């Protein structure tokens, strides 16, 4: 029997939403996606998915997003008319968790709700009135959920256990690369140092939302004077730097190539660089310290050596496996010192260590997709029970 999932998405233009949808489809589920629009939907051309727009939201405009959720809630019955009763509802982020209970009640209730939280918004960590209200809202709307999906164990240890009032079993789904045809995707077999006289290339790919990273990379590239180039790809968060385009255009040795398709374009774009920028100061000391970003797994799979901050969860991941470069501050001085001594021999050693990591560390394959959908289906069949405390588990193939 096919599992039908109603996926409530916070942003239909988010590549991570598309990847999750592809994962669930590969696992055998049928899907209805109801989501907010912030840009061009990446699911619009998928003939196998029914997509419903809940309204429009904007990055960095929290009050506007609350208004959009209230508006969607008032229209939910109309918006979901004709949708078959789902076996499971997944709510991505707090704003759609606020809709999940109402959506379930429209179908007569009894539908398992899964809360998917892959970032901890800084307002949830606020110690003042705003933070307390948001954590209360998270508990209120999530109190009947049966499962929490998150992407880093540090989110559980630093937020869900000590601060959140939710008490859910936890499924850890790391931000691995979706690989549905493994036989056609060989791992890189040889290091790719730059040709003599050519620069080292560092790729910063994905959600480009960190002004501090951009400023440091611009200054670093300027000081290296052509010995290092920075390659940017993805979606800039213009709410964080409205002058992004002007900064990049004026900066020497910086390239910006716009968005890309994940996973279709990953091999091509990572083959173009030797190193991956795995550093994020966007919510320094909070979410940025705890996340394990997509680019860590993408770069690892495709042989781009990660650069990380030693104090973060990403840095610990890199250090434990001995697979990259970890820095104390990643300021321009430290970066210049690092790359002034970088040579082909050191790079080859770093590449070899990275290439020796078991492929399963980086990828989600068809078996894992089926395992995920099977676990979700089990929530509604009595095969899974609600735990009494958060315990991290992973999907087994």
Protein backbone atom coordinates (compact mmCIF):
# COMPACT_ATOMS: atom_id res chain seq x y z
CA UNK A 1 0.00 0.00 0.00
CA UNK A 2 1.40 3.38 -1.01
CA UNK A 3 2.00 5.93 1.73
CA UNK A 4 0.49 9.34 0.99
CA UNK A 5 2.33 12.24 2.63
CA UNK A 6 1.10 15.80 2.97
CA UNK A 7 4.26 17.89 3.16
CA UNK A 8 3.83 21.40 4.54
CA UNK A 9 6.80 23.39 3.20
CA UNK A 10 8.10 26.74 4.42
CA UNK A 11 9.59 27.71 1.02
CA UNK A 12 8.81 26.07 -2.31
CA UNK A 13 11.91 27.71 -3.80
CA UNK A 14 14.24 26.00 -1.33
CA UNK A 15 16.48 23.36 -2.93
CA UNK A 16 16.40 21.38 0.33
CA UNK A 17 12.61 21.05 0.02
CA UNK A 18 13.00 19.67 -3.49
CA UNK A 19 15.61 17.20 -2.26
CA UNK A 20 13.34 15.98 0.52
CA UNK A 21 10.48 15.57 -1.94
CA UNK A 22 12.71 13.54 -4.27
CA UNK A 23 13.80 11.43 -1.29
CA UNK A 24 10.24 10.64 -0.28
CA UNK A 25 9.23 9.87 -3.88
CA UNK A 26 12.20 7.52 -4.22
CA UNK A 27 11.05 5.83 -1.04
CA UNK A 28 7.72 4.97 -2.66
CA UNK A 29 5.50 7.71 -1.23
CA UNK A 30 2.95 9.79 -3.10
CA UNK A 31 3.01 13.44 -2.15
CA UNK A 32 0.92 16.55 -1.90
CA UNK A 33 3.04 19.63 -1.19
CA UNK A 34 1.40 22.67 0.39
CA UNK A 35 3.92 25.44 0.83
CA UNK A 36 4.71 29.11 1.03
CA UNK A 37 6.24 30.87 -1.94
CA UNK A 38 9.38 33.07 -1.68
CA UNK A 39 10.63 32.69 -5.24
CA UNK A 40 10.11 30.45 -8.23
CA UNK A 41 8.95 27.02 -7.09
CA UNK A 42 11.43 24.25 -7.76
CA UNK A 43 8.57 21.74 -7.82
CA UNK A 44 6.43 23.45 -10.44
CA UNK A 45 7.55 21.16 -13.25
CA UNK A 46 7.34 17.89 -11.33
CA UNK A 47 4.42 15.96 -12.87
CA UNK A 48 4.32 13.45 -10.00
CA UNK A 49 3.69 16.01 -7.26
CA UNK A 50 0.61 18.06 -6.48
CA UNK A 51 1.65 21.52 -5.26
CA UNK A 52 -0.60 23.96 -3.42
CA UNK A 53 0.52 27.52 -2.66
CA UNK A 54 -0.31 28.65 0.89
CA UNK A 55 0.74 32.26 0.36
CA UNK A 56 3.85 34.36 -0.05
CA UNK A 57 6.50 35.02 2.59
CA UNK A 58 9.81 36.88 2.65
CA UNK A 59 13.22 36.24 4.17
CA UNK A 60 13.94 38.28 7.28
CA UNK A 61 10.37 39.60 7.66
CA UNK A 62 9.16 37.71 10.69
CA UNK A 63 5.95 39.67 11.26
CA UNK A 64 4.98 39.25 7.62
CA UNK A 65 5.51 35.50 7.89
CA UNK A 66 3.27 35.30 10.96
CA UNK A 67 0.58 37.13 9.00
CA UNK A 68 0.97 34.71 6.08
CA UNK A 69 0.58 31.73 8.43
CA UNK A 70 -2.59 33.22 9.96
CA UNK A 71 -3.98 33.88 6.48
CA UNK A 72 -3.16 30.34 5.31
CA UNK A 73 -4.77 28.90 8.42
CA UNK A 74 -8.01 30.71 7.67
CA UNK A 75 -8.06 29.36 4.09
CA UNK A 76 -6.75 25.88 4.80
CA UNK A 77 -10.05 24.08 4.31
CA UNK A 78 -10.46 25.61 0.86
CA UNK A 79 -6.83 25.11 -0.10
CA UNK A 80 -6.86 21.41 0.80
CA UNK A 81 -10.21 20.61 -0.79
CA UNK A 82 -9.85 17.55 -2.99
CA UNK A 83 -6.61 16.37 -1.40
CA UNK A 84 -6.77 12.65 -0.49
CA UNK A 85 -6.47 11.87 3.21
CA UNK A 86 -2.74 11.62 3.99
CA UNK A 87 -1.18 8.84 6.02
CA UNK A 88 1.39 11.26 7.47
CA UNK A 89 1.77 15.05 7.65
CA UNK A 90 5.30 16.50 7.69
CA UNK A 91 5.65 20.12 8.79
CA UNK A 92 8.92 21.79 7.80
CA UNK A 93 9.84 24.52 10.32
CA UNK A 94 7.71 26.20 12.96
CA UNK A 95 5.60 28.27 10.57
CA UNK A 96 4.11 25.15 8.96
CA UNK A 97 3.95 23.25 12.25
CA UNK A 98 1.37 25.88 13.19
CA UNK A 99 -0.79 24.55 10.33
CA UNK A 100 -0.29 20.82 10.81
CA UNK A 101 -2.89 20.22 13.53
CA UNK A 102 -5.55 22.15 11.63
CA UNK A 103 -4.72 20.24 8.45
CA UNK A 104 -5.00 16.91 10.28
CA UNK A 105 -8.39 17.84 11.73
CA UNK A 106 -9.74 18.60 8.25
CA UNK A 107 -9.24 14.94 7.38
CA UNK A 108 -10.89 13.68 10.56
CA UNK A 109 -7.83 13.59 12.80
CA UNK A 110 -5.73 10.62 13.76
CA UNK A 111 -2.99 11.46 11.24
CA UNK A 112 0.58 11.31 12.57
CA UNK A 113 2.40 14.66 12.48
CA UNK A 114 6.15 14.90 11.98
CA UNK A 115 8.02 18.11 12.83
CA UNK A 116 11.02 18.64 10.55
CA UNK A 117 13.42 21.24 11.94
CA UNK A 118 16.80 21.61 10.20
CA UNK A 119 17.68 25.06 11.56
CA UNK A 120 17.10 26.63 14.96
CA UNK A 121 15.98 30.21 14.37
CA UNK A 122 17.74 32.74 16.58
CA UNK A 123 14.41 33.97 17.98
CA UNK A 124 13.75 30.50 19.41
CA UNK A 125 16.96 30.94 21.40
CA UNK A 126 16.12 34.42 22.65
CA UNK A 127 16.00 34.54 26.46
CA UNK A 128 13.47 37.36 26.50
CA UNK A 129 9.73 37.51 25.96
CA UNK A 130 9.92 36.83 22.20
CA UNK A 131 11.86 33.62 22.71
CA UNK A 132 9.56 32.37 25.44
CA UNK A 133 6.51 33.05 23.27
CA UNK A 134 8.02 31.21 20.29
CA UNK A 135 9.09 28.21 22.37
CA UNK A 136 5.59 28.09 23.84
CA UNK A 137 4.14 28.20 20.32
CA UNK A 138 6.49 25.41 19.26
CA UNK A 139 5.29 23.28 22.18
CA UNK A 140 1.63 24.13 21.60
CA UNK A 141 1.60 23.31 17.89
CA UNK A 142 3.95 20.37 18.25
CA UNK A 143 2.52 18.77 21.39
CA UNK A 144 0.64 16.11 19.40
CA UNK A 145 3.48 15.36 16.97
CA UNK A 146 4.94 11.86 17.00
CA UNK A 147 8.42 12.47 15.63
CA UNK A 148 11.06 15.17 15.25
CA UNK A 149 13.35 15.10 12.21
CA UNK A 150 16.57 17.09 12.44
CA UNK A 151 19.95 17.07 10.71
CA UNK A 152 22.60 17.47 13.42
CA UNK A 153 23.00 15.87 16.85
CA UNK A 154 24.14 19.27 18.14
CA UNK A 155 20.61 20.63 17.58
CA UNK A 156 19.31 18.01 19.99
CA UNK A 157 22.04 18.53 22.58
CA UNK A 158 21.98 22.33 22.50
CA UNK A 159 18.33 23.13 21.87
CA UNK A 160 15.78 20.36 21.94
CA UNK A 161 16.97 18.72 25.16
CA UNK A 162 17.81 21.77 27.30
CA UNK A 163 15.52 24.52 25.93
CA UNK A 164 12.58 23.22 23.92
CA UNK A 165 9.48 22.03 25.75
CA UNK A 166 8.89 19.39 23.08
CA UNK A 167 9.59 15.83 24.15
CA UNK A 168 9.69 13.81 20.95
CA UNK A 169 11.66 10.87 19.61
CA UNK A 170 14.27 12.18 17.19
CA UNK A 171 15.15 10.90 13.74
CA UNK A 172 18.54 12.17 12.58
CA UNK A 173 18.59 12.77 8.81
CA UNK A 174 21.90 14.34 7.90
CA UNK A 175 22.08 16.65 4.90
CA UNK A 176 23.55 13.94 2.69
CA UNK A 177 23.57 14.00 -1.09
CA UNK A 178 20.62 12.24 -2.68
CA UNK A 179 22.02 9.57 -4.99
CA UNK A 180 19.30 7.54 -6.69
CA UNK A 181 21.51 5.89 -9.30
CA UNK A 182 24.77 5.06 -7.49
CA UNK A 183 26.27 3.06 -10.35
CA UNK A 184 26.40 6.18 -12.54
CA UNK A 185 28.08 8.39 -9.93
CA UNK A 186 31.72 7.35 -9.39
CA UNK A 187 33.73 8.99 -6.63
CA UNK A 188 36.64 11.24 -7.64
CA UNK A 189 39.69 9.02 -8.06
CA UNK A 190 42.49 11.57 -8.26
CA UNK A 191 43.43 14.89 -6.72
CA UNK A 192 42.99 17.90 -8.99
CA UNK A 193 45.58 20.52 -8.06
CA UNK A 194 45.63 23.68 -10.17
CA UNK A 195 47.87 23.72 -13.21
CA UNK A 196 51.19 25.53 -12.74
CA UNK A 197 50.59 29.26 -12.41
CA UNK A 198 46.85 28.82 -11.80
CA UNK A 199 45.11 29.67 -8.50
CA UNK A 200 43.63 27.47 -5.84
CA UNK A 201 39.82 27.63 -6.01
CA UNK A 202 37.52 27.62 -2.99
CA UNK A 203 33.81 26.98 -3.53
CA UNK A 204 31.10 28.52 -1.34
CA UNK A 205 27.92 26.89 -2.57
CA UNK A 206 24.30 26.73 -1.40
CA UNK A 207 22.39 29.25 0.72
CA UNK A 208 24.63 32.33 0.70
CA UNK A 209 23.45 34.17 3.79
CA UNK A 210 26.59 35.05 5.77
CA UNK A 211 27.84 38.61 5.34
CA UNK A 212 30.87 37.95 7.53
CA UNK A 213 31.96 35.05 5.32
CA UNK A 214 31.57 37.18 2.20
CA UNK A 215 33.56 40.07 3.66
CA UNK A 216 36.37 37.79 4.82
CA UNK A 217 36.58 35.90 1.54
CA UNK A 218 36.63 39.15 -0.45
CA UNK A 219 39.50 40.51 1.65
CA UNK A 220 41.36 37.19 1.59
CA UNK A 221 41.10 36.93 -2.21
CA UNK A 222 42.27 40.54 -2.60
CA UNK A 223 45.33 39.92 -0.45
CA UNK A 224 46.23 36.69 -2.25
CA UNK A 225 46.28 38.70 -5.48
CA UNK A 226 45.31 35.94 -7.90
CA UNK A 227 46.82 32.97 -6.07
CA UNK A 228 43.35 32.01 -4.75
CA UNK A 229 39.95 32.44 -6.38
CA UNK A 230 36.58 32.25 -4.65
CA UNK A 231 33.67 30.66 -6.55
CA UNK A 232 30.13 31.43 -5.30
CA UNK A 233 27.07 29.47 -6.43
CA UNK A 234 23.54 29.33 -5.04
CA UNK A 235 20.88 31.71 -3.75
CA UNK A 236 22.07 34.87 -1.98
CA UNK A 237 19.92 35.95 0.98
CA UNK A 238 19.35 39.55 -0.08
CA UNK A 239 17.68 40.21 3.27
CA UNK A 240 21.14 39.82 4.81
CA UNK A 241 23.10 41.78 2.19
CA UNK A 242 21.12 43.83 -0.29
CA UNK A 243 24.46 44.93 -1.80
CA UNK A 244 25.61 41.37 -2.56
CA UNK A 245 25.76 41.86 -6.33
CA UNK A 246 27.70 45.12 -6.06
CA UNK A 247 30.21 43.63 -3.60
CA UNK A 248 30.87 40.60 -5.81
CA UNK A 249 31.11 42.65 -8.99
CA UNK A 250 33.69 44.98 -7.45
CA UNK A 251 35.76 42.24 -5.78
CA UNK A 252 38.83 40.87 -7.56
CA UNK A 253 39.20 37.11 -7.90
CA UNK A 254 35.57 36.43 -6.90
CA UNK A 255 33.10 34.67 -9.23
CA UNK A 256 29.32 34.29 -8.79
CA UNK A 257 27.51 31.82 -11.04
CA UNK A 258 23.99 31.87 -9.59
CA UNK A 259 21.78 28.91 -8.63
CA UNK A 260 22.36 25.27 -9.51
CA UNK A 261 20.36 22.06 -9.43
CA UNK A 262 20.88 19.67 -6.54
CA UNK A 263 21.85 16.87 -7.00
CA UNK A 264 22.08 17.09 -10.81
CA UNK A 265 24.84 19.72 -11.01
CA UNK A 266 26.93 18.79 -7.97
CA UNK A 267 29.65 16.77 -9.70
CA UNK A 268 30.25 19.55 -12.22
CA UNK A 269 30.44 22.44 -9.77
CA UNK A 270 32.58 20.68 -7.16
CA UNK A 271 34.97 19.39 -9.81
CA UNK A 272 35.70 23.07 -10.51
CA UNK A 273 37.23 23.70 -7.04
CA UNK A 274 39.75 22.11 -4.69
CA UNK A 275 38.23 23.30 -1.40
CA UNK A 276 34.77 23.80 0.14
CA UNK A 277 33.98 26.77 2.41
CA UNK A 278 32.17 25.02 5.27
CA UNK A 279 32.00 28.08 7.57
CA UNK A 280 28.90 30.05 8.54
CA UNK A 281 28.84 33.03 10.91
CA UNK A 282 25.19 33.84 10.12
CA UNK A 283 24.00 32.97 13.65
CA UNK A 284 27.37 32.83 15.32
CA UNK A 285 27.39 31.11 18.70
CA UNK A 286 23.97 29.58 18.00
CA UNK A 287 22.64 27.74 14.93
CA UNK A 288 25.88 28.26 12.99
CA UNK A 289 27.84 26.44 15.68
CA UNK A 290 25.57 23.39 15.58
CA UNK A 291 24.64 22.72 11.96
CA UNK A 292 26.15 20.19 9.57
CA UNK A 293 25.59 21.96 6.23
CA UNK A 294 24.73 20.49 2.85
CA UNK A 295 28.04 21.66 1.39
CA UNK A 296 29.97 19.50 3.86
CA UNK A 297 28.43 16.33 2.37
CA UNK A 298 28.42 17.59 -1.22
CA UNK A 299 32.07 18.55 -1.08
CA UNK A 300 33.02 15.36 0.74
CA UNK A 301 31.39 13.20 -1.90
CA UNK A 302 32.96 15.08 -4.78
CA UNK A 303 36.47 15.47 -3.40
CA UNK A 304 36.47 19.15 -2.37
CA UNK A 305 38.45 19.46 0.88
CA UNK A 306 36.36 21.15 3.61
CA UNK A 307 37.46 24.28 5.46
CA UNK A 308 35.74 24.58 8.86
CA UNK A 309 35.89 26.39 12.19
CA UNK A 310 37.36 24.11 14.86
CA UNK A 311 34.85 25.11 17.57
CA UNK A 312 31.75 24.16 15.56
CA UNK A 313 29.96 20.86 14.97
CA UNK A 314 31.24 20.97 11.38
CA UNK A 315 34.78 21.43 12.68
CA UNK A 316 34.41 18.49 15.05
CA UNK A 317 33.08 16.36 12.20
CA UNK A 318 36.12 17.24 10.08
CA UNK A 319 38.63 16.77 12.91
CA UNK A 320 37.26 13.39 14.02
CA UNK A 321 37.70 12.04 10.49
CA UNK A 322 40.92 13.88 9.70
CA UNK A 323 39.55 15.00 6.35
CA UNK A 324 40.04 18.74 6.01
CA UNK A 325 41.29 22.03 7.37
CA UNK A 326 40.06 23.52 10.64
CA UNK A 327 40.74 27.10 11.68
CA UNK A 328 40.42 29.01 14.95
CA UNK A 329 38.91 32.20 13.53
CA UNK A 330 38.98 32.02 9.72
CA UNK A 331 39.91 35.69 9.52
CA UNK A 332 41.85 36.93 6.47
CA UNK A 333 45.20 36.74 8.27
CA UNK A 334 44.70 33.08 9.18
CA UNK A 335 43.49 32.24 5.67
CA UNK A 336 46.44 33.98 4.04
CA UNK A 337 48.88 32.10 6.31
CA UNK A 338 47.18 28.81 5.45
CA UNK A 339 47.26 29.24 1.68
CA UNK A 340 50.69 30.82 1.45
CA UNK A 341 52.04 27.43 2.52
CA UNK A 342 49.57 25.30 0.51
CA UNK A 343 51.26 23.19 -2.13
CA UNK A 344 50.33 20.24 -4.34
CA UNK A 345 51.79 17.66 -1.94
CA UNK A 346 49.80 18.89 1.07
CA UNK A 347 46.66 19.16 -0.99
CA UNK A 348 47.14 15.61 -2.32
CA UNK A 349 47.40 14.30 1.25
CA UNK A 350 44.19 16.10 2.24
CA UNK A 351 42.41 14.81 -0.86
CA UNK A 352 43.52 11.23 -0.24
CA UNK A 353 42.20 11.28 3.33
CA UNK A 354 38.88 12.68 2.12
CA UNK A 355 38.61 10.11 -0.70
CA UNK A 356 39.17 7.27 1.77
CA UNK A 357 35.95 8.00 3.68
CA UNK A 358 33.22 5.43 3.18
CA UNK A 359 30.80 6.67 0.51
CA UNK A 360 27.79 6.03 2.76
CA UNK A 361 29.00 8.92 4.96
CA UNK A 362 28.04 11.33 2.19
CA UNK A 363 25.02 9.87 0.38
CA UNK A 364 21.42 8.85 0.82
CA UNK A 365 20.60 6.03 -1.56
CA UNK A 366 17.39 4.24 -2.62
CA UNK A 367 17.48 1.86 0.35
CA UNK A 368 17.65 4.76 2.82
CA UNK A 369 14.77 6.47 1.00
CA UNK A 370 12.64 3.34 1.39
CA UNK A 371 13.68 3.06 5.03
CA UNK A 372 12.56 6.63 5.71
CA UNK A 373 9.15 6.19 4.11
CA UNK A 374 8.73 2.88 5.91
CA UNK A 375 9.44 4.55 9.25
CA UNK A 376 6.98 7.34 8.50
CA UNK A 377 4.32 4.82 7.44
CA UNK A 378 4.88 2.96 10.69
CA UNK A 379 3.86 6.02 12.71
CA UNK A 380 0.27 5.50 11.67
CA UNK A 381 0.16 1.72 11.87
CA UNK A 382 1.06 1.18 15.50
CA UNK A 383 4.56 -0.09 14.64
CA UNK A 384 6.12 3.08 16.09
CA UNK A 385 5.28 4.51 19.49
CA UNK A 386 5.85 7.94 20.90
CA UNK A 387 8.98 8.00 23.03
CA UNK A 388 9.10 9.60 26.46
CA UNK A 389 12.40 11.41 25.85
CA UNK A 390 14.40 12.56 22.83
CA UNK A 391 16.58 9.72 21.56
CA UNK A 392 18.42 10.12 18.28
CA UNK A 393 17.95 7.33 15.78
CA UNK A 394 18.87 7.09 12.12
CA UNK A 395 17.15 5.46 9.16
CA UNK A 396 18.50 1.99 8.45
CA UNK A 397 18.32 0.51 4.99
